[in-house]
Amino acid sequence: MKTATLDKHAVGGKSMHPTELIQKIQKGLRFSELKTLQHTLDLPFDKLAAKLCISRSTLQRRKAAGRLSPDESDKVIRFSRLLRHATTVFGDVERARAWLKHPQVGLGGAVPLDYASTETG
């Protein structure tokens, strides 16, 4: 399952030591990992890119290069971790996705993925 790949962070489905993960982020994740997140969240690519604060033109360049920037990689990891935690809380990825993508009373009507664009969120 693709979620398993993402939630372990990610690369090859194996858990990573924080030092390894930091190095991976600094190098930049493969573009395919963004596609995996998009597929797992079941969001249109443009919507996910907007939530990650990545423009369409930047996405095209990243796709051609095959890698994300360190900042973009960090955001992908943040969203992946949020998805993992929500999946743990709700018991399955479908319910986690529904919660992440819709307004929540406990968040003052905000959509959780909208808050995830910042570390504080």
PDB file of N, CA and C in Angstrom:
ATOM      1  N   MET A   1       0.837  -1.177   0.000  1.00  0.00           N
ATOM      2  CA  MET A   1       0.000   0.000   0.000  1.00  0.00           C
ATOM      3  C   MET A   1       0.883   1.241   0.000  1.00  0.00           C
ATOM      4  N   LYS A   2       0.534   2.243  -0.742  1.00  0.00           N
ATOM      5  CA  LYS A   2       1.359   3.435  -0.867  1.00  0.00           C
ATOM      6  C   LYS A   2       1.485   4.182   0.449  1.00  0.00           C
ATOM      7  N   THR A   3       0.458   4.158   1.270  1.00  0.00           N
ATOM      8  CA  THR A   3       0.536   4.846   2.549  1.00  0.00           C
ATOM      9  C   THR A   3       1.678   4.296   3.384  1.00  0.00           C
ATOM     10  N   ALA A   4       1.879   2.998   3.350  1.00  0.00           N
ATOM     11  CA  ALA A   4       2.965   2.408   4.121  1.00  0.00           C
ATOM     12  C   ALA A   4       4.304   2.981   3.692  1.00  0.00           C
ATOM     13  N   THR A   5       4.465   3.218   2.410  1.00  0.00           N
ATOM     14  CA  THR A   5       5.712   3.810   1.936  1.00  0.00           C
ATOM     15  C   THR A   5       5.868   5.206   2.496  1.00  0.00           C
ATOM     16  N   LEU A   6       4.810   5.994   2.415  1.00  0.00           N
ATOM     17  CA  LEU A   6       4.893   7.367   2.880  1.00  0.00           C
ATOM     18  C   LEU A   6       5.082   7.445   4.380  1.00  0.00           C
ATOM     19  N   ASP A   7       4.319   6.669   5.129  1.00  0.00           N
ATOM     20  CA  ASP A   7       4.339   6.892   6.552  1.00  0.00           C
ATOM     21  C   ASP A   7       5.621   6.460   7.211  1.00  0.00           C
ATOM     22  N   LYS A   8       6.438   5.733   6.593  1.00  0.00           N
ATOM     23  CA  LYS A   8       7.685   5.329   7.221  1.00  0.00           C
ATOM     24  C   LYS A   8       8.776   6.264   6.833  1.00  0.00           C
ATOM     25  N   HIS A   9       8.544   7.085   6.344  1.00  0.00           N
ATOM     26  CA  HIS A   9       8.866   8.158   5.552  1.00  0.00           C
ATOM     27  C   HIS A   9       9.361   7.667   4.305  1.00  0.00           C
ATOM     28  N   ALA A  10       9.159   6.773   4.080  1.00  0.00           N
ATOM     29  CA  ALA A  10       9.254   7.041   2.843  1.00  0.00           C
ATOM     30  C   ALA A  10       9.953   6.653   1.782  1.00  0.00           C
ATOM     31  N   VAL A  11      11.023   6.144   2.023  1.00  0.00           N
ATOM     32  CA  VAL A  11      11.735   5.847   0.822  1.00  0.00           C
ATOM     33  C   VAL A  11      11.986   4.379   0.882  1.00  0.00           C
ATOM     34  N   GLY A  12      11.440   3.672  -0.011  1.00  0.00           N
ATOM     35  CA  GLY A  12      11.570   2.240  -0.016  1.00  0.00           C
ATOM     36  C   GLY A  12      10.803   1.588   1.095  1.00  0.00           C
ATOM     37  N   GLY A  13       9.958   2.330   1.803  1.00  0.00           N
ATOM     38  CA  GLY A  13       9.120   1.758   2.835  1.00  0.00           C
ATOM     39  C   GLY A  13       9.848   1.405   4.104  1.00  0.00           C
ATOM     40  N   LYS A  14      11.080   1.867   4.271  1.00  0.00           N
ATOM     41  CA  LYS A  14      11.803   1.532   5.493  1.00  0.00           C
ATOM     42  C   LYS A  14      11.821   2.730   6.428  1.00  0.00           C
ATOM     43  N   SER A  15      11.822   2.440   7.711  1.00  0.00           N
ATOM     44  CA  SER A  15      11.938   3.526   8.677  1.00  0.00           C
ATOM     45  C   SER A  15      13.317   4.137   8.543  1.00  0.00           C
ATOM     46  N   MET A  16      13.384   5.420   8.777  1.00  0.00           N
ATOM     47  CA  MET A  16      14.668   6.101   8.660  1.00  0.00           C
ATOM     48  C   MET A  16      15.030   6.755   9.976  1.00  0.00           C
ATOM     49  N   HIS A  17      16.287   6.715  10.272  1.00  0.00           N
ATOM     50  CA  HIS A  17      16.812   7.466  11.404  1.00  0.00           C
ATOM     51  C   HIS A  17      16.653   8.945  11.059  1.00  0.00           C
ATOM     52  N   PRO A  18      16.383   9.803  12.048  1.00  0.00           N
ATOM     53  CA  PRO A  18      16.219  11.228  11.745  1.00  0.00           C
ATOM     54  C   PRO A  18      17.366  11.823  10.928  1.00  0.00           C
ATOM     55  N   THR A  19      18.590  11.397  11.183  1.00  0.00           N
ATOM     56  CA  THR A  19      19.723  11.916  10.414  1.00  0.00           C
ATOM     57  C   THR A  19      19.592  11.548   8.940  1.00  0.00           C
ATOM     58  N   GLU A  20      19.186  10.311   8.664  1.00  0.00           N
ATOM     59  CA  GLU A  20      18.984   9.881   7.278  1.00  0.00           C
ATOM     60  C   GLU A  20      17.876  10.689   6.612  1.00  0.00           C
ATOM     61  N   LEU A  21      16.807  10.905   7.356  1.00  0.00           N
ATOM     62  CA  LEU A  21      15.678  11.649   6.814  1.00  0.00           C
ATOM     63  C   LEU A  21      16.070  13.092   6.509  1.00  0.00           C
ATOM     64  N   ILE A  22      16.814  13.707   7.400  1.00  0.00           N
ATOM     65  CA  ILE A  22      17.286  15.078   7.168  1.00  0.00           C
ATOM     66  C   ILE A  22      18.151  15.123   5.913  1.00  0.00           C
ATOM     67  N   GLN A  23      19.038  14.162   5.769  1.00  0.00           N
ATOM     68  CA  GLN A  23      19.890  14.123   4.572  1.00  0.00           C
ATOM     69  C   GLN A  23      19.054  13.948   3.308  1.00  0.00           C
ATOM     70  N   LYS A  24      18.051  13.113   3.389  1.00  0.00           N
ATOM     71  CA  LYS A  24      17.167  12.881   2.241  1.00  0.00           C
ATOM     72  C   LYS A  24      16.426  14.169   1.871  1.00  0.00           C
ATOM     73  N   ILE A  25      15.944  14.884   2.874  1.00  0.00           N
ATOM     74  CA  ILE A  25      15.253  16.154   2.639  1.00  0.00           C
ATOM     75  C   ILE A  25      16.214  17.168   2.038  1.00  0.00           C
ATOM     76  N   GLN A  26      17.413  17.242   2.587  1.00  0.00           N
ATOM     77  CA  GLN A  26      18.392  18.206   2.076  1.00  0.00           C
ATOM     78  C   GLN A  26      18.774  17.919   0.628  1.00  0.00           C
ATOM     79  N   LYS A  27      18.803  16.658   0.269  1.00  0.00           N
ATOM     80  CA  LYS A  27      19.103  16.270  -1.116  1.00  0.00           C
ATOM     81  C   LYS A  27      17.911  16.561  -2.029  1.00  0.00           C
ATOM     82  N   GLY A  28      16.722  16.466  -1.462  1.00  0.00           N
ATOM     83  CA  GLY A  28      15.484  16.636  -2.225  1.00  0.00           C
ATOM     84  C   GLY A  28      14.868  15.287  -2.531  1.00  0.00           C
ATOM     85  N   LEU A  29      13.597  15.140  -2.203  1.00  0.00           N
ATOM     86  CA  LEU A  29      12.899  13.890  -2.499  1.00  0.00           C
ATOM     87  C   LEU A  29      12.709  13.733  -4.000  1.00  0.00           C
ATOM     88  N   ARG A  30      12.574  12.498  -4.415  1.00  0.00           N
ATOM     89  CA  ARG A  30      12.254  12.236  -5.818  1.00  0.00           C
ATOM     90  C   ARG A  30      10.847  12.768  -6.115  1.00  0.00           C
ATOM     91  N   PHE A  31      10.647  13.251  -7.303  1.00  0.00           N
ATOM     92  CA  PHE A  31       9.338  13.758  -7.714  1.00  0.00           C
ATOM     93  C   PHE A  31       8.276  12.674  -7.558  1.00  0.00           C
ATOM     94  N   SER A  32       8.655  11.438  -7.767  1.00  0.00           N
ATOM     95  CA  SER A  32       7.705  10.326  -7.656  1.00  0.00           C
ATOM     96  C   SER A  32       7.113  10.215  -6.256  1.00  0.00           C
ATOM     97  N   GLU A  33       7.840  10.690  -5.244  1.00  0.00           N
ATOM     98  CA  GLU A  33       7.296  10.637  -3.888  1.00  0.00           C
ATOM     99  C   GLU A  33       6.171  11.648  -3.706  1.00  0.00           C
ATOM    100  N   LEU A  34       6.258  12.760  -4.401  1.00  0.00           N
ATOM    101  CA  LEU A  34       5.151  13.716  -4.401  1.00  0.00           C
ATOM    102  C   LEU A  34       3.941  13.092  -5.087  1.00  0.00           C
ATOM    103  N   LYS A  35       4.169  12.379  -6.171  1.00  0.00           N
ATOM    104  CA  LYS A  35       3.073  11.695  -6.864  1.00  0.00           C
ATOM    105  C   LYS A  35       2.439  10.639  -5.966  1.00  0.00           C
ATOM    106  N   THR A  36       3.246   9.942  -5.190  1.00  0.00           N
ATOM    107  CA  THR A  36       2.714   8.943  -4.267  1.00  0.00           C
ATOM    108  C   THR A  36       1.833   9.608  -3.217  1.00  0.00           C
ATOM    109  N   LEU A  37       2.289  10.731  -2.677  1.00  0.00           N
ATOM    110  CA  LEU A  37       1.478  11.467  -1.703  1.00  0.00           C
ATOM    111  C   LEU A  37       0.167  11.914  -2.343  1.00  0.00           C
ATOM    112  N   GLN A  38       0.240  12.438  -3.544  1.00  0.00           N
ATOM    113  CA  GLN A  38      -0.953  12.899  -4.251  1.00  0.00           C
ATOM    114  C   GLN A  38      -1.941  11.748  -4.432  1.00  0.00           C
ATOM    115  N   HIS A  39      -1.441  10.612  -4.836  1.00  0.00           N
ATOM    116  CA  HIS A  39      -2.298   9.437  -5.029  1.00  0.00           C
ATOM    117  C   HIS A  39      -2.906   8.987  -3.705  1.00  0.00           C
ATOM    118  N   THR A  40      -2.112   8.941  -2.665  1.00  0.00           N
ATOM    119  CA  THR A  40      -2.587   8.465  -1.370  1.00  0.00           C
ATOM    120  C   THR A  40      -3.619   9.411  -0.769  1.00  0.00           C
ATOM    121  N   LEU A  41      -3.392  10.718  -0.906  1.00  0.00           N
ATOM    122  CA  LEU A  41      -4.368  11.692  -0.407  1.00  0.00           C
ATOM    123  C   LEU A  41      -5.591  11.791  -1.312  1.00  0.00           C
ATOM    124  N   ASP A  42      -5.474  11.278  -2.523  1.00  0.00           N
ATOM    125  CA  ASP A  42      -6.555  11.338  -3.497  1.00  0.00           C
ATOM    126  C   ASP A  42      -6.991  12.790  -3.729  1.00  0.00           C
ATOM    127  N   LEU A  43      -5.989  13.621  -4.000  1.00  0.00           N
ATOM    128  CA  LEU A  43      -6.219  15.035  -4.302  1.00  0.00           C
ATOM    129  C   LEU A  43      -5.772  15.309  -5.729  1.00  0.00           C
ATOM    130  N   PRO A  44      -6.483  16.168  -6.435  1.00  0.00           N
ATOM    131  CA  PRO A  44      -5.964  16.593  -7.739  1.00  0.00           C
ATOM    132  C   PRO A  44      -4.579  17.212  -7.545  1.00  0.00           C
ATOM    133  N   PHE A  45      -3.701  16.974  -8.493  1.00  0.00           N
ATOM    134  CA  PHE A  45      -2.318  17.415  -8.352  1.00  0.00           C
ATOM    135  C   PHE A  45      -2.220  18.920  -8.129  1.00  0.00           C
ATOM    136  N   ASP A  46      -3.029  19.702  -8.851  1.00  0.00           N
ATOM    137  CA  ASP A  46      -3.000  21.156  -8.686  1.00  0.00           C
ATOM    138  C   ASP A  46      -3.376  21.578  -7.268  1.00  0.00           C
ATOM    139  N   LYS A  47      -4.358  20.886  -6.674  1.00  0.00           N
ATOM    140  CA  LYS A  47      -4.774  21.237  -5.309  1.00  0.00           C
ATOM    141  C   LYS A  47      -3.678  20.912  -4.300  1.00  0.00           C
ATOM    142  N   LEU A  48      -3.052  19.757  -4.452  1.00  0.00           N
ATOM    143  CA  LEU A  48      -1.968  19.406  -3.540  1.00  0.00           C
ATOM    144  C   LEU A  48      -0.823  20.395  -3.682  1.00  0.00           C
ATOM    145  N   ALA A  49      -0.476  20.732  -4.900  1.00  0.00           N
ATOM    146  CA  ALA A  49       0.610  21.695  -5.129  1.00  0.00           C
ATOM    147  C   ALA A  49       0.291  23.028  -4.464  1.00  0.00           C
ATOM    148  N   ALA A  50      -0.949  23.475  -4.565  1.00  0.00           N
ATOM    149  CA  ALA A  50      -1.339  24.738  -3.924  1.00  0.00           C
ATOM    150  C   ALA A  50      -1.204  24.638  -2.409  1.00  0.00           C
ATOM    151  N   LYS A  51      -1.611  23.515  -1.834  1.00  0.00           N
ATOM    152  CA  LYS A  51      -1.498  23.339  -0.383  1.00  0.00           C
ATOM    153  C   LYS A  51      -0.034  23.292   0.052  1.00  0.00           C
ATOM    154  N   LEU A  52       0.827  22.798  -0.838  1.00  0.00           N
ATOM    155  CA  LEU A  52       2.262  22.756  -0.556  1.00  0.00           C
ATOM    156  C   LEU A  52       2.955  24.069  -0.922  1.00  0.00           C
ATOM    157  N   CYS A  53       2.182  25.007  -1.472  1.00  0.00           N
ATOM    158  CA  CYS A  53       2.713  26.313  -1.914  1.00  0.00           C
ATOM    159  C   CYS A  53       3.759  26.153  -3.021  1.00  0.00           C
ATOM    160  N   ILE A  54       3.453  25.294  -3.981  1.00  0.00           N
ATOM    161  CA  ILE A  54       4.324  25.076  -5.132  1.00  0.00           C
ATOM    162  C   ILE A  54       3.543  25.494  -6.381  1.00  0.00           C
ATOM    163  N   SER A  55       4.101  26.402  -7.154  1.00  0.00           N
ATOM    164  CA  SER A  55       3.415  26.878  -8.356  1.00  0.00           C
ATOM    165  C   SER A  55       3.438  25.818  -9.456  1.00  0.00           C
ATOM    166  N   ARG A  56       2.547  25.991 -10.403  1.00  0.00           N
ATOM    167  CA  ARG A  56       2.457  25.059 -11.528  1.00  0.00           C
ATOM    168  C   ARG A  56       3.764  25.027 -12.326  1.00  0.00           C
ATOM    169  N   SER A  57       4.360  26.199 -12.557  1.00  0.00           N
ATOM    170  CA  SER A  57       5.611  26.244 -13.334  1.00  0.00           C
ATOM    171  C   SER A  57       6.756  25.571 -12.572  1.00  0.00           C
ATOM    172  N   THR A  58       6.790  25.769 -11.266  1.00  0.00           N
ATOM    173  CA  THR A  58       7.813  25.105 -10.453  1.00  0.00           C
ATOM    174  C   THR A  58       7.613  23.597 -10.492  1.00  0.00           C
ATOM    175  N   LEU A  59       6.365  23.162 -10.433  1.00  0.00           N
ATOM    176  CA  LEU A  59       6.080  21.726 -10.516  1.00  0.00           C
ATOM    177  C   LEU A  59       6.601  21.132 -11.819  1.00  0.00           C
ATOM    178  N   GLN A  60       6.416  21.844 -12.893  1.00  0.00           N
ATOM    179  CA  GLN A  60       6.894  21.348 -14.185  1.00  0.00           C
ATOM    180  C   GLN A  60       8.417  21.217 -14.189  1.00  0.00           C
ATOM    181  N   ARG A  61       9.086  22.202 -13.601  1.00  0.00           N
ATOM    182  CA  ARG A  61      10.552  22.126 -13.520  1.00  0.00           C
ATOM    183  C   ARG A  61      10.983  20.962 -12.637  1.00  0.00           C
ATOM    184  N   ARG A  62      10.308  20.774 -11.515  1.00  0.00           N
ATOM    185  CA  ARG A  62      10.661  19.676 -10.606  1.00  0.00           C
ATOM    186  C   ARG A  62      10.424  18.324 -11.273  1.00  0.00           C
ATOM    187  N   LYS A  63       9.338  18.240 -12.008  1.00  0.00           N
ATOM    188  CA  LYS A  63       9.050  16.988 -12.709  1.00  0.00           C
ATOM    189  C   LYS A  63      10.156  16.682 -13.713  1.00  0.00           C
ATOM    190  N   ALA A  64      10.578  17.684 -14.460  1.00  0.00           N
ATOM    191  CA  ALA A  64      11.646  17.500 -15.450  1.00  0.00           C
ATOM    192  C   ALA A  64      12.968  17.134 -14.781  1.00  0.00           C
ATOM    193  N   ALA A  65      13.245  17.757 -13.637  1.00  0.00           N
ATOM    194  CA  ALA A  65      14.495  17.491 -12.917  1.00  0.00           C
ATOM    195  C   ALA A  65      14.436  16.173 -12.149  1.00  0.00           C
ATOM    196  N   GLY A  66      13.217  15.753 -11.785  1.00  0.00           N
ATOM    197  CA  GLY A  66      13.053  14.502 -11.049  1.00  0.00           C
ATOM    198  C   GLY A  66      13.193  14.631  -9.549  1.00  0.00           C
ATOM    199  N   ARG A  67      13.426  15.850  -9.050  1.00  0.00           N
ATOM    200  CA  ARG A  67      13.615  16.054  -7.607  1.00  0.00           C
ATOM    201  C   ARG A  67      12.930  17.327  -7.148  1.00  0.00           C
ATOM    202  N   LEU A  68      12.548  17.301  -5.881  1.00  0.00           N
ATOM    203  CA  LEU A  68      11.994  18.481  -5.222  1.00  0.00           C
ATOM    204  C   LEU A  68      13.110  19.228  -4.514  1.00  0.00           C
ATOM    205  N   SER A  69      12.868  20.479  -4.192  1.00  0.00           N
ATOM    206  CA  SER A  69      13.831  21.249  -3.399  1.00  0.00           C
ATOM    207  C   SER A  69      13.770  20.762  -1.953  1.00  0.00           C
ATOM    208  N   PRO A  70      14.751  21.112  -1.132  1.00  0.00           N
ATOM    209  CA  PRO A  70      14.699  20.737   0.282  1.00  0.00           C
ATOM    210  C   PRO A  70      13.442  21.272   0.981  1.00  0.00           C
ATOM    211  N   ASP A  71      13.066  22.517   0.715  1.00  0.00           N
ATOM    212  CA  ASP A  71      11.870  23.084   1.344  1.00  0.00           C
ATOM    213  C   ASP A  71      10.614  22.322   0.925  1.00  0.00           C
ATOM    214  N   GLU A  72      10.500  22.021  -0.342  1.00  0.00           N
ATOM    215  CA  GLU A  72       9.350  21.264  -0.836  1.00  0.00           C
ATOM    216  C   GLU A  72       9.349  19.849  -0.265  1.00  0.00           C
ATOM    217  N   SER A  73      10.511  19.254  -0.170  1.00  0.00           N
ATOM    218  CA  SER A  73      10.637  17.905   0.392  1.00  0.00           C
ATOM    219  C   SER A  73      10.189  17.884   1.843  1.00  0.00           C
ATOM    220  N   ASP A  74      10.566  18.907   2.590  1.00  0.00           N
ATOM    221  CA  ASP A  74      10.166  19.005   3.991  1.00  0.00           C
ATOM    222  C   ASP A  74       8.642  19.065   4.109  1.00  0.00           C
ATOM    223  N   LYS A  75       8.006  19.808   3.229  1.00  0.00           N
ATOM    224  CA  LYS A  75       6.538  19.898   3.252  1.00  0.00           C
ATOM    225  C   LYS A  75       5.895  18.565   2.896  1.00  0.00           C
ATOM    226  N   VAL A  76       6.464  17.859   1.939  1.00  0.00           N
ATOM    227  CA  VAL A  76       5.927  16.547   1.572  1.00  0.00           C
ATOM    228  C   VAL A  76       6.018  15.602   2.768  1.00  0.00           C
ATOM    229  N   ILE A  77       7.137  15.642   3.474  1.00  0.00           N
ATOM    230  CA  ILE A  77       7.292  14.811   4.676  1.00  0.00           C
ATOM    231  C   ILE A  77       6.258  15.206   5.723  1.00  0.00           C
ATOM    232  N   ARG A  78       6.048  16.499   5.909  1.00  0.00           N
ATOM    233  CA  ARG A  78       5.060  16.980   6.890  1.00  0.00           C
ATOM    234  C   ARG A  78       3.675  16.435   6.558  1.00  0.00           C
ATOM    235  N   PHE A  79       3.279  16.537   5.303  1.00  0.00           N
ATOM    236  CA  PHE A  79       1.968  16.038   4.901  1.00  0.00           C
ATOM    237  C   PHE A  79       1.901  14.521   5.056  1.00  0.00           C
ATOM    238  N   SER A  80       2.982  13.833   4.749  1.00  0.00           N
ATOM    239  CA  SER A  80       3.023  12.374   4.891  1.00  0.00           C
ATOM    240  C   SER A  80       2.856  11.959   6.346  1.00  0.00           C
ATOM    241  N   ARG A  81       3.525  12.665   7.227  1.00  0.00           N
ATOM    242  CA  ARG A  81       3.405  12.358   8.660  1.00  0.00           C
ATOM    243  C   ARG A  81       1.997  12.637   9.163  1.00  0.00           C
ATOM    244  N   LEU A  82       1.421  13.735   8.709  1.00  0.00           N
ATOM    245  CA  LEU A  82       0.052  14.058   9.100  1.00  0.00           C
ATOM    246  C   LEU A  82      -0.902  12.965   8.631  1.00  0.00           C
ATOM    247  N   LEU A  83      -0.721  12.511   7.415  1.00  0.00           N
ATOM    248  CA  LEU A  83      -1.548  11.423   6.899  1.00  0.00           C
ATOM    249  C   LEU A  83      -1.359  10.160   7.730  1.00  0.00           C
ATOM    250  N   ARG A  84      -0.130   9.858   8.086  1.00  0.00           N
ATOM    251  CA  ARG A  84       0.135   8.671   8.917  1.00  0.00           C
ATOM    252  C   ARG A  84      -0.568   8.781  10.258  1.00  0.00           C
ATOM    253  N   HIS A  85      -0.439   9.937  10.914  1.00  0.00           N
ATOM    254  CA  HIS A  85      -1.074  10.107  12.226  1.00  0.00           C
ATOM    255  C   HIS A  85      -2.594  10.031  12.113  1.00  0.00           C
ATOM    256  N   ALA A  86      -3.152  10.672  11.106  1.00  0.00           N
ATOM    257  CA  ALA A  86      -4.606  10.625  10.923  1.00  0.00           C
ATOM    258  C   ALA A  86      -5.072   9.200  10.643  1.00  0.00           C
ATOM    259  N   THR A  87      -4.299   8.454   9.878  1.00  0.00           N
ATOM    260  CA  THR A  87      -4.654   7.065   9.586  1.00  0.00           C
ATOM    261  C   THR A  87      -4.627   6.231  10.861  1.00  0.00           C
ATOM    262  N   THR A  88      -3.661   6.489  11.720  1.00  0.00           N
ATOM    263  CA  THR A  88      -3.590   5.782  13.001  1.00  0.00           C
ATOM    264  C   THR A  88      -4.805   6.118  13.867  1.00  0.00           C
ATOM    265  N   VAL A  89      -5.149   7.382  13.947  1.00  0.00           N
ATOM    266  CA  VAL A  89      -6.277   7.828  14.779  1.00  0.00           C
ATOM    267  C   VAL A  89      -7.604   7.293  14.249  1.00  0.00           C
ATOM    268  N   PHE A  90      -7.815   7.395  12.947  1.00  0.00           N
ATOM    269  CA  PHE A  90      -9.107   7.022  12.374  1.00  0.00           C
ATOM    270  C   PHE A  90      -9.195   5.565  11.950  1.00  0.00           C
ATOM    271  N   GLY A  91      -8.086   4.854  11.960  1.00  0.00           N
ATOM    272  CA  GLY A  91      -8.113   3.427  11.698  1.00  0.00           C
ATOM    273  C   GLY A  91      -7.948   3.004  10.251  1.00  0.00           C
ATOM    274  N   ASP A  92      -8.164   3.905   9.315  1.00  0.00           N
ATOM    275  CA  ASP A  92      -7.913   3.575   7.912  1.00  0.00           C
ATOM    276  C   ASP A  92      -7.694   4.847   7.107  1.00  0.00           C
ATOM    277  N   VAL A  93      -7.071   4.670   5.960  1.00  0.00           N
ATOM    278  CA  VAL A  93      -6.661   5.822   5.156  1.00  0.00           C
ATOM    279  C   VAL A  93      -7.856   6.572   4.569  1.00  0.00           C
ATOM    280  N   GLU A  94      -8.943   5.878   4.259  1.00  0.00           N
ATOM    281  CA  GLU A  94     -10.102   6.560   3.686  1.00  0.00           C
ATOM    282  C   GLU A  94     -10.696   7.559   4.673  1.00  0.00           C
ATOM    283  N   ARG A  95     -10.856   7.151   5.923  1.00  0.00           N
ATOM    284  CA  ARG A  95     -11.403   8.078   6.931  1.00  0.00           C
ATOM    285  C   ARG A  95     -10.410   9.183   7.243  1.00  0.00           C
ATOM    286  N   ALA A  96      -9.131   8.863   7.241  1.00  0.00           N
ATOM    287  CA  ALA A  96      -8.106   9.886   7.468  1.00  0.00           C
ATOM    288  C   ALA A  96      -8.155  10.937   6.365  1.00  0.00           C
ATOM    289  N   ARG A  97      -8.234  10.486   5.120  1.00  0.00           N
ATOM    290  CA  ARG A  97      -8.326  11.423   3.986  1.00  0.00           C
ATOM    291  C   ARG A  97      -9.538  12.324   4.115  1.00  0.00           C
ATOM    292  N   ALA A  98     -10.678  11.743   4.450  1.00  0.00           N
ATOM    293  CA  ALA A  98     -11.904  12.539   4.579  1.00  0.00           C
ATOM    294  C   ALA A  98     -11.723  13.621   5.638  1.00  0.00           C
ATOM    295  N   TRP A  99     -11.142  13.268   6.760  1.00  0.00           N
ATOM    296  CA  TRP A  99     -10.934  14.248   7.826  1.00  0.00           C
ATOM    297  C   TRP A  99      -9.964  15.337   7.380  1.00  0.00           C
ATOM    298  N   LEU A 100      -8.887  14.945   6.741  1.00  0.00           N
ATOM    299  CA  LEU A 100      -7.857  15.902   6.330  1.00  0.00           C
ATOM    300  C   LEU A 100      -8.342  16.902   5.289  1.00  0.00           C
ATOM    301  N   LYS A 101      -9.310  16.515   4.471  1.00  0.00           N
ATOM    302  CA  LYS A 101      -9.703  17.336   3.325  1.00  0.00           C
ATOM    303  C   LYS A 101     -10.973  18.160   3.537  1.00  0.00           C
ATOM    304  N   HIS A 102     -11.596  18.040   4.697  1.00  0.00           N
ATOM    305  CA  HIS A 102     -12.865  18.743   4.921  1.00  0.00           C
ATOM    306  C   HIS A 102     -12.795  19.639   6.157  1.00  0.00           C
ATOM    307  N   PRO A 103     -13.605  20.707   6.175  1.00  0.00           N
ATOM    308  CA  PRO A 103     -13.616  21.616   7.331  1.00  0.00           C
ATOM    309  C   PRO A 103     -13.943  20.859   8.623  1.00  0.00           C
ATOM    310  N   GLN A 104     -13.243  21.233   9.691  1.00  0.00           N
ATOM    311  CA  GLN A 104     -13.414  20.577  10.982  1.00  0.00           C
ATOM    312  C   GLN A 104     -13.827  21.593  12.044  1.00  0.00           C
ATOM    313  N   VAL A 105     -14.896  21.289  12.752  1.00  0.00           N
ATOM    314  CA  VAL A 105     -15.399  22.177  13.798  1.00  0.00           C
ATOM    315  C   VAL A 105     -14.318  22.454  14.829  1.00  0.00           C
ATOM    316  N   GLY A 106     -13.586  21.434  15.216  1.00  0.00           N
ATOM    317  CA  GLY A 106     -12.533  21.585  16.223  1.00  0.00           C
ATOM    318  C   GLY A 106     -11.395  22.497  15.790  1.00  0.00           C
ATOM    319  N   LEU A 107     -11.331  22.785  14.514  1.00  0.00           N
ATOM    320  CA  LEU A 107     -10.309  23.698  13.985  1.00  0.00           C
ATOM    321  C   LEU A 107     -10.941  25.013  13.535  1.00  0.00           C
ATOM    322  N   GLY A 108     -12.104  25.312  14.108  1.00  0.00           N
ATOM    323  CA  GLY A 108     -12.779  26.556  13.753  1.00  0.00           C
ATOM    324  C   GLY A 108     -13.257  26.573  12.313  1.00  0.00           C
ATOM    325  N   GLY A 109     -13.556  25.406  11.772  1.00  0.00           N
ATOM    326  CA  GLY A 109     -14.032  25.304  10.401  1.00  0.00           C
ATOM    327  C   GLY A 109     -12.925  25.210   9.366  1.00  0.00           C
ATOM    328  N   ALA A 110     -11.685  25.169   9.818  1.00  0.00           N
ATOM    329  CA  ALA A 110     -10.555  25.079   8.883  1.00  0.00           C
ATOM    330  C   ALA A 110     -10.395  23.646   8.370  1.00  0.00           C
ATOM    331  N   VAL A 111      -9.761  23.533   7.234  1.00  0.00           N
ATOM    332  CA  VAL A 111      -9.431  22.239   6.636  1.00  0.00           C
ATOM    333  C   VAL A 111      -8.030  21.860   7.126  1.00  0.00           C
ATOM    334  N   PRO A 112      -7.865  20.698   7.760  1.00  0.00           N
ATOM    335  CA  PRO A 112      -6.559  20.325   8.304  1.00  0.00           C
ATOM    336  C   PRO A 112      -5.397  20.449   7.317  1.00  0.00           C
ATOM    337  N   LEU A 113      -5.579  20.047   6.078  1.00  0.00           N
ATOM    338  CA  LEU A 113      -4.476  20.157   5.119  1.00  0.00           C
ATOM    339  C   LEU A 113      -4.088  21.603   4.849  1.00  0.00           C
ATOM    340  N   ASP A 114      -5.023  22.534   5.021  1.00  0.00           N
ATOM    341  CA  ASP A 114      -4.676  23.947   4.849  1.00  0.00           C
ATOM    342  C   ASP A 114      -3.727  24.399   5.953  1.00  0.00           C
ATOM    343  N   TYR A 115      -3.924  23.888   7.141  1.00  0.00           N
ATOM    344  CA  TYR A 115      -3.033  24.232   8.251  1.00  0.00           C
ATOM    345  C   TYR A 115      -1.665  23.572   8.100  1.00  0.00           C
ATOM    346  N   ALA A 116      -1.611  22.475   7.398  1.00  0.00           N
ATOM    347  CA  ALA A 116      -0.369  21.711   7.297  1.00  0.00           C
ATOM    348  C   ALA A 116       0.699  22.386   6.450  1.00  0.00           C
ATOM    349  N   SER A 117       0.357  23.480   5.799  1.00  0.00           N
ATOM    350  CA  SER A 117       1.364  24.146   4.965  1.00  0.00           C
ATOM    351  C   SER A 117       2.434  24.847   5.790  1.00  0.00           C
ATOM    352  N   THR A 118       2.199  24.983   7.099  1.00  0.00           N
ATOM    353  CA  THR A 118       3.215  25.558   7.985  1.00  0.00           C
ATOM    354  C   THR A 118       3.532  24.574   9.108  1.00  0.00           C
ATOM    355  N   GLU A 119       4.701  24.687   9.667  1.00  0.00           N
ATOM    356  CA  GLU A 119       5.102  23.809  10.770  1.00  0.00           C
ATOM    357  C   GLU A 119       4.175  23.996  11.967  1.00  0.00           C
ATOM    358  N   THR A 120       3.788  25.209  12.254  1.00  0.00           N
ATOM    359  CA  THR A 120       2.908  25.488  13.387  1.00  0.00           C
ATOM    360  C   THR A 120       1.541  24.858  13.190  1.00  0.00           C
ATOM    361  N   GLY A 121       1.082  24.838  11.958  1.00  0.00           N
ATOM    362  CA  GLY A 121      -0.240  24.274  11.651  1.00  0.00           C
ATOM    363  C   GLY A 121      -0.288  22.807  11.944  1.00  0.00           C
TER     364      GLY A 121
END
